[in-house]
């Protein structure tokens, strides 16, 4: 990118007019000629404009790899703040709007950001959005030299649940197949991924409870605790204690903390099972209809 284009790009990002950037040192007409490539600025003018734009003068003079490094240095503070705050969608947007190409570090950051956004959409029941962000995370994870095994395991687990809900939600990027050694709850930091591993394999319930009690139970948000409560009901269903399971499921769905839509869908599925096994077919039909209605909303949302 030539020096005039860099100046114009930085000016427009800061929402500055040419007159505001030109200030008292140069004319607006001269700045316009510089931005259009019709005039080359002196070193003094470069230093002046760089100061008003808040970038090192060397950035305006840099080319190729040096330009990328200067650009990365300038925006990394904002990327780091958004990432550490857990604002993954904003962090992703900053990366995509600031760079035309990404190094290994940025590819890793984008992998984590897309995965974080996908988890949020999974919980909200915006399943097509979740699928798209998981696919984007796969692309970025393939483009970094850093180890992304944990991220790929999380992606694979979430895709497995998406496919169980609807085959139309499978990955557009790759075949996602989970082997048994990848679905132990302890390998995941995310409560959602821990939860999904148990949903996929009820034999993992005890492992989940052990891991949760040792590491995360007291640190969970009230909303995330609902996932653990639901799995307690799942275990009761597995042991054919349907009335006790139904009581816990009702506690989960009627919580003061509004359940995530994904959890609500799975809980309604289990309530249908409980009513059916207790020969209450009216109740089973009611929750079957609720489940279908929730699924239709989840598949329709983008």
Protein backbone atom coordinates (compact mmCIF):
# COMPACT_ATOMS: atom_id res chain seq x y z
CA UNK A 1 0.00 0.00 0.00
CA UNK A 2 1.47 3.40 -0.92
CA UNK A 3 1.88 6.17 1.61
CA UNK A 4 -1.11 8.19 0.37
CA UNK A 5 -3.44 5.19 0.64
CA UNK A 6 -2.20 4.47 4.18
CA UNK A 7 -2.87 8.04 5.24
CA UNK A 8 -6.37 7.97 3.76
CA UNK A 9 -7.16 4.58 5.33
CA UNK A 10 -6.04 5.71 8.78
CA UNK A 11 -7.90 9.02 8.45
CA UNK A 12 -11.19 7.35 7.48
CA UNK A 13 -10.86 4.79 10.30
CA UNK A 14 -10.58 7.69 12.74
CA UNK A 15 -13.57 9.41 11.08
CA UNK A 16 -11.46 12.51 10.37
CA UNK A 17 -12.10 14.89 7.48
CA UNK A 18 -9.20 16.01 5.31
CA UNK A 19 -9.41 19.48 6.87
CA UNK A 20 -9.22 18.03 10.38
CA UNK A 21 -6.14 15.98 9.53
CA UNK A 22 -4.43 18.77 7.60
CA UNK A 23 -4.72 21.13 10.57
CA UNK A 24 -2.61 24.27 10.41
CA UNK A 25 0.55 22.75 8.91
CA UNK A 26 -0.61 21.83 5.39
CA UNK A 27 -3.58 22.69 3.18
CA UNK A 28 -6.52 20.39 2.62
CA UNK A 29 -5.73 20.48 -1.10
CA UNK A 30 -2.17 19.28 -0.49
CA UNK A 31 -3.43 16.45 1.72
CA UNK A 32 -5.89 15.44 -1.01
CA UNK A 33 -3.04 15.32 -3.56
CA UNK A 34 -0.94 13.17 -1.18
CA UNK A 35 -3.80 10.73 -0.56
CA UNK A 36 -4.45 10.43 -4.30
CA UNK A 37 -0.79 9.78 -5.08
CA UNK A 38 -0.36 13.05 -6.99
CA UNK A 39 2.21 14.41 -4.51
CA UNK A 40 4.84 12.95 -2.21
CA UNK A 41 5.03 14.38 1.32
CA UNK A 42 8.30 15.61 2.81
CA UNK A 43 9.74 13.85 5.85
CA UNK A 44 8.51 16.72 7.99
CA UNK A 45 4.99 16.37 6.61
CA UNK A 46 5.09 12.59 7.16
CA UNK A 47 6.09 13.08 10.80
CA UNK A 48 3.35 15.69 11.25
CA UNK A 49 0.60 13.51 9.72
CA UNK A 50 1.78 10.42 11.61
CA UNK A 51 1.53 12.32 14.89
CA UNK A 52 -2.01 13.47 14.14
CA UNK A 53 -2.99 9.93 13.11
CA UNK A 54 -1.43 8.37 16.21
CA UNK A 55 0.97 6.04 14.40
CA UNK A 56 4.77 5.91 14.13
CA UNK A 57 6.15 7.78 11.14
CA UNK A 58 7.92 4.54 10.23
CA UNK A 59 4.55 2.89 9.57
CA UNK A 60 3.76 5.37 6.80
CA UNK A 61 7.16 4.67 5.22
CA UNK A 62 7.09 0.88 5.73
CA UNK A 63 6.44 -1.71 3.05
CA UNK A 64 5.56 -5.41 3.00
CA UNK A 65 6.33 -7.29 6.22
CA UNK A 66 7.30 -4.11 8.07
CA UNK A 67 3.93 -2.61 7.22
CA UNK A 68 2.15 -5.64 8.65
CA UNK A 69 4.19 -5.46 11.87
CA UNK A 70 3.46 -1.76 12.35
CA UNK A 71 -0.24 -2.35 11.67
CA UNK A 72 -0.38 -5.28 14.08
CA UNK A 73 1.38 -3.28 16.80
CA UNK A 74 -1.14 -0.47 16.37
CA UNK A 75 -4.26 -2.64 16.81
CA UNK A 76 -2.98 -5.40 19.11
CA UNK A 77 -3.97 -3.50 22.25
CA UNK A 78 -7.62 -3.45 21.15
CA UNK A 79 -7.48 -7.10 20.09
CA UNK A 80 -6.02 -8.09 23.45
CA UNK A 81 -8.62 -6.10 25.41
CA UNK A 82 -11.56 -7.60 23.53
CA UNK A 83 -10.12 -11.12 23.83
CA UNK A 84 -9.42 -10.95 27.57
CA UNK A 85 -12.88 -9.45 28.17
CA UNK A 86 -14.41 -12.45 26.41
CA UNK A 87 -15.88 -10.22 23.70
CA UNK A 88 -14.96 -12.69 21.00
CA UNK A 89 -17.20 -11.33 18.26
CA UNK A 90 -15.68 -7.85 18.62
CA UNK A 91 -12.17 -9.32 18.73
CA UNK A 92 -12.83 -11.26 15.52
CA UNK A 93 -14.24 -8.17 13.81
CA UNK A 94 -11.19 -6.09 14.77
CA UNK A 95 -8.88 -8.73 13.29
CA UNK A 96 -10.84 -9.07 10.05
CA UNK A 97 -11.21 -5.32 9.54
CA UNK A 98 -7.57 -4.54 10.33
CA UNK A 99 -5.73 -7.11 8.23
CA UNK A 100 -5.85 -8.58 4.75
CA UNK A 101 -3.61 -11.46 5.81
CA UNK A 102 -2.90 -13.13 9.14
CA UNK A 103 0.17 -14.54 10.82
CA UNK A 104 0.13 -17.66 13.03
CA UNK A 105 -0.73 -15.70 16.17
CA UNK A 106 -3.69 -13.96 14.57
CA UNK A 107 -4.94 -17.24 13.07
CA UNK A 108 -4.88 -18.76 16.58
CA UNK A 109 -6.71 -15.77 18.02
CA UNK A 110 -9.33 -16.01 15.28
CA UNK A 111 -9.73 -19.75 15.95
CA UNK A 112 -10.49 -19.05 19.62
CA UNK A 113 -12.75 -16.12 18.80
CA UNK A 114 -14.85 -18.05 16.28
CA UNK A 115 -15.11 -20.94 18.72
CA UNK A 116 -16.21 -18.61 21.51
CA UNK A 117 -18.88 -17.00 19.32
CA UNK A 118 -20.06 -20.45 18.19
CA UNK A 119 -20.49 -21.55 21.81
CA UNK A 120 -22.63 -18.50 22.54
CA UNK A 121 -24.81 -19.17 19.51
CA UNK A 122 -25.09 -22.86 20.44
CA UNK A 123 -26.45 -21.95 23.86
CA UNK A 124 -28.84 -19.41 22.36
CA UNK A 125 -30.12 -21.99 19.90
CA UNK A 126 -28.93 -20.06 16.86
CA UNK A 127 -27.67 -23.27 15.37
CA UNK A 128 -26.95 -22.22 11.80
CA UNK A 129 -24.87 -19.31 13.07
CA UNK A 130 -23.04 -21.70 15.39
CA UNK A 131 -22.33 -24.05 12.47
CA UNK A 132 -20.93 -21.21 10.36
CA UNK A 133 -18.61 -19.99 13.11
CA UNK A 134 -17.41 -23.52 13.83
CA UNK A 135 -16.54 -23.89 10.15
CA UNK A 136 -14.69 -20.57 10.25
CA UNK A 137 -12.79 -21.75 13.34
CA UNK A 138 -11.76 -24.88 11.44
CA UNK A 139 -10.35 -22.78 8.59
CA UNK A 140 -8.30 -20.59 10.93
CA UNK A 141 -7.07 -23.57 12.98
CA UNK A 142 -5.71 -25.14 9.79
CA UNK A 143 -3.75 -21.98 8.98
CA UNK A 144 -1.70 -21.67 12.17
CA UNK A 145 1.43 -23.51 13.23
CA UNK A 146 0.28 -23.46 16.86
CA UNK A 147 -1.27 -26.54 18.44
CA UNK A 148 -5.06 -26.36 18.13
CA UNK A 149 -5.94 -29.91 19.21
CA UNK A 150 -8.11 -28.65 22.09
CA UNK A 151 -9.99 -26.27 19.81
CA UNK A 152 -10.51 -28.95 17.16
CA UNK A 153 -11.85 -31.35 19.80
CA UNK A 154 -14.32 -28.71 20.95
CA UNK A 155 -15.39 -28.06 17.36
CA UNK A 156 -15.85 -31.78 16.71
CA UNK A 157 -17.93 -32.29 19.86
CA UNK A 158 -20.25 -29.39 19.05
CA UNK A 159 -20.67 -30.59 15.47
CA UNK A 160 -21.59 -34.03 16.77
CA UNK A 161 -24.49 -32.58 18.75
CA UNK A 162 -25.53 -30.36 15.84
CA UNK A 163 -25.67 -33.40 13.58
CA UNK A 164 -27.81 -35.26 16.12
CA UNK A 165 -30.25 -32.36 16.18
CA UNK A 166 -30.34 -32.05 12.37
CA UNK A 167 -28.15 -33.59 9.63
CA UNK A 168 -28.40 -30.24 7.82
CA UNK A 169 -26.14 -28.73 10.51
CA UNK A 170 -23.06 -30.78 9.63
CA UNK A 171 -19.81 -29.02 8.74
CA UNK A 172 -19.31 -27.60 5.26
CA UNK A 173 -15.53 -27.73 5.73
CA UNK A 174 -14.69 -31.27 6.81
CA UNK A 175 -16.03 -34.58 8.03
CA UNK A 176 -16.19 -34.29 11.81
CA UNK A 177 -15.77 -37.68 13.45
CA UNK A 178 -15.19 -38.10 17.17
CA UNK A 179 -13.13 -40.99 18.49
CA UNK A 180 -13.78 -42.28 22.00
CA UNK A 181 -10.60 -40.83 23.46
CA UNK A 182 -11.66 -37.29 22.53
CA UNK A 183 -14.90 -37.06 24.47
CA UNK A 184 -13.91 -37.27 28.13
CA UNK A 185 -15.28 -34.17 29.90
CA UNK A 186 -11.98 -33.44 31.65
CA UNK A 187 -10.24 -32.45 28.41
CA UNK A 188 -12.50 -29.42 27.96
CA UNK A 189 -12.47 -26.07 29.73
CA UNK A 190 -15.89 -25.10 28.41
CA UNK A 191 -18.90 -26.19 30.49
CA UNK A 192 -20.87 -26.45 27.24
CA UNK A 193 -18.41 -28.96 25.75
CA UNK A 194 -18.32 -30.94 29.01
CA UNK A 195 -22.11 -31.02 28.92
CA UNK A 196 -22.25 -32.12 25.29
CA UNK A 197 -19.85 -35.02 25.88
CA UNK A 198 -22.30 -36.43 28.42
CA UNK A 199 -25.30 -35.79 26.19
CA UNK A 200 -23.50 -37.80 23.51
CA UNK A 201 -22.50 -40.62 25.85
CA UNK A 202 -24.41 -41.17 29.10
CA UNK A 203 -21.65 -43.44 30.39
CA UNK A 204 -19.61 -40.25 30.86
CA UNK A 205 -21.99 -38.92 33.55
CA UNK A 206 -19.86 -40.02 36.52
CA UNK A 207 -16.73 -38.62 34.90
CA UNK A 208 -18.48 -35.30 34.40
CA UNK A 209 -19.68 -35.11 38.00
CA UNK A 210 -16.21 -35.96 39.35
CA UNK A 211 -14.57 -33.36 37.14
CA UNK A 212 -17.15 -30.72 37.95
CA UNK A 213 -17.00 -31.22 41.71
CA UNK A 214 -13.20 -31.04 41.73
CA UNK A 215 -12.67 -28.11 39.42
CA UNK A 216 -15.58 -25.94 38.40
CA UNK A 217 -18.75 -26.35 40.44
CA UNK A 218 -18.35 -23.20 42.55
CA UNK A 219 -17.14 -21.09 39.64
CA UNK A 220 -20.11 -21.74 37.34
CA UNK A 221 -22.60 -19.01 36.54
CA UNK A 222 -26.21 -19.61 37.52
CA UNK A 223 -27.06 -20.23 33.87
CA UNK A 224 -24.27 -22.77 33.43
CA UNK A 225 -25.35 -24.58 36.60
CA UNK A 226 -28.56 -25.43 34.73
CA UNK A 227 -26.51 -27.66 32.41
CA UNK A 228 -25.26 -29.65 35.40
CA UNK A 229 -28.80 -29.85 36.78
CA UNK A 230 -30.07 -31.21 33.48
CA UNK A 231 -27.42 -33.94 33.47
CA UNK A 232 -28.55 -34.98 36.95
CA UNK A 233 -32.00 -35.54 35.46
CA UNK A 234 -30.47 -37.45 32.54
CA UNK A 235 -28.77 -39.79 34.97
CA UNK A 236 -32.08 -40.44 36.74
CA UNK A 237 -33.71 -41.23 33.39
CA UNK A 238 -30.89 -43.65 32.66
CA UNK A 239 -31.74 -45.37 35.98
CA UNK A 240 -35.46 -45.34 35.07
CA UNK A 241 -36.38 -42.99 37.93
CA UNK A 242 -38.68 -40.93 35.74
CA UNK A 243 -40.69 -39.11 38.41
CA UNK A 244 -37.52 -37.80 40.13
CA UNK A 245 -36.05 -36.84 36.75
CA UNK A 246 -39.22 -34.97 35.82
CA UNK A 247 -39.05 -32.98 39.06
CA UNK A 248 -35.51 -31.85 38.28
CA UNK A 249 -36.34 -31.12 34.65
CA UNK A 250 -39.22 -28.93 35.77
CA UNK A 251 -36.85 -27.15 38.16
CA UNK A 252 -34.47 -26.61 35.24
CA UNK A 253 -37.02 -25.21 32.79
CA UNK A 254 -38.84 -23.08 35.41
CA UNK A 255 -35.66 -21.59 36.85
CA UNK A 256 -35.50 -17.86 37.62
CA UNK A 257 -32.46 -17.91 35.35
CA UNK A 258 -33.92 -18.28 31.84
CA UNK A 259 -32.50 -21.53 30.41
CA UNK A 260 -30.46 -21.34 27.20
CA UNK A 261 -32.64 -22.35 24.27
CA UNK A 262 -30.48 -25.38 23.46
CA UNK A 263 -30.91 -26.65 27.02
CA UNK A 264 -34.65 -25.98 26.88
CA UNK A 265 -34.93 -28.05 23.70
CA UNK A 266 -33.05 -31.01 25.19
CA UNK A 267 -34.97 -30.77 28.49
CA UNK A 268 -38.30 -30.85 26.63
CA UNK A 269 -37.09 -33.97 24.80
CA UNK A 270 -36.36 -35.62 28.13
CA UNK A 271 -39.67 -34.53 29.64
CA UNK A 272 -41.43 -36.16 26.70
CA UNK A 273 -39.57 -39.40 27.51
CA UNK A 274 -40.47 -39.19 31.21
CA UNK A 275 -44.18 -38.65 30.57
CA UNK A 276 -44.27 -41.42 27.99
CA UNK A 277 -42.54 -43.90 30.31
CA UNK A 278 -45.02 -42.95 33.06
CA UNK A 279 -47.88 -43.63 30.60
CA UNK A 280 -48.95 -39.99 30.63
CA UNK A 281 -49.38 -39.65 26.87
CA UNK A 282 -51.08 -36.28 27.07
CA UNK A 283 -48.04 -34.83 28.83
CA UNK A 284 -45.73 -36.60 26.38
CA UNK A 285 -47.59 -35.11 23.43
CA UNK A 286 -47.45 -31.61 24.95
CA UNK A 287 -43.69 -31.69 25.36
CA UNK A 288 -43.24 -33.33 21.99
CA UNK A 289 -44.97 -30.31 20.45
CA UNK A 290 -42.89 -27.92 22.57
CA UNK A 291 -39.73 -29.64 21.41
CA UNK A 292 -40.75 -29.39 17.74
CA UNK A 293 -41.65 -25.71 18.10
CA UNK A 294 -38.30 -24.88 19.73
CA UNK A 295 -36.43 -26.83 17.05
CA UNK A 296 -38.22 -24.98 14.27
CA UNK A 297 -37.17 -21.65 15.81
CA UNK A 298 -33.57 -22.82 16.25
CA UNK A 299 -33.30 -23.97 12.64
CA UNK A 300 -34.97 -20.84 11.26
CA UNK A 301 -32.77 -18.28 13.05
CA UNK A 302 -29.67 -16.83 11.41
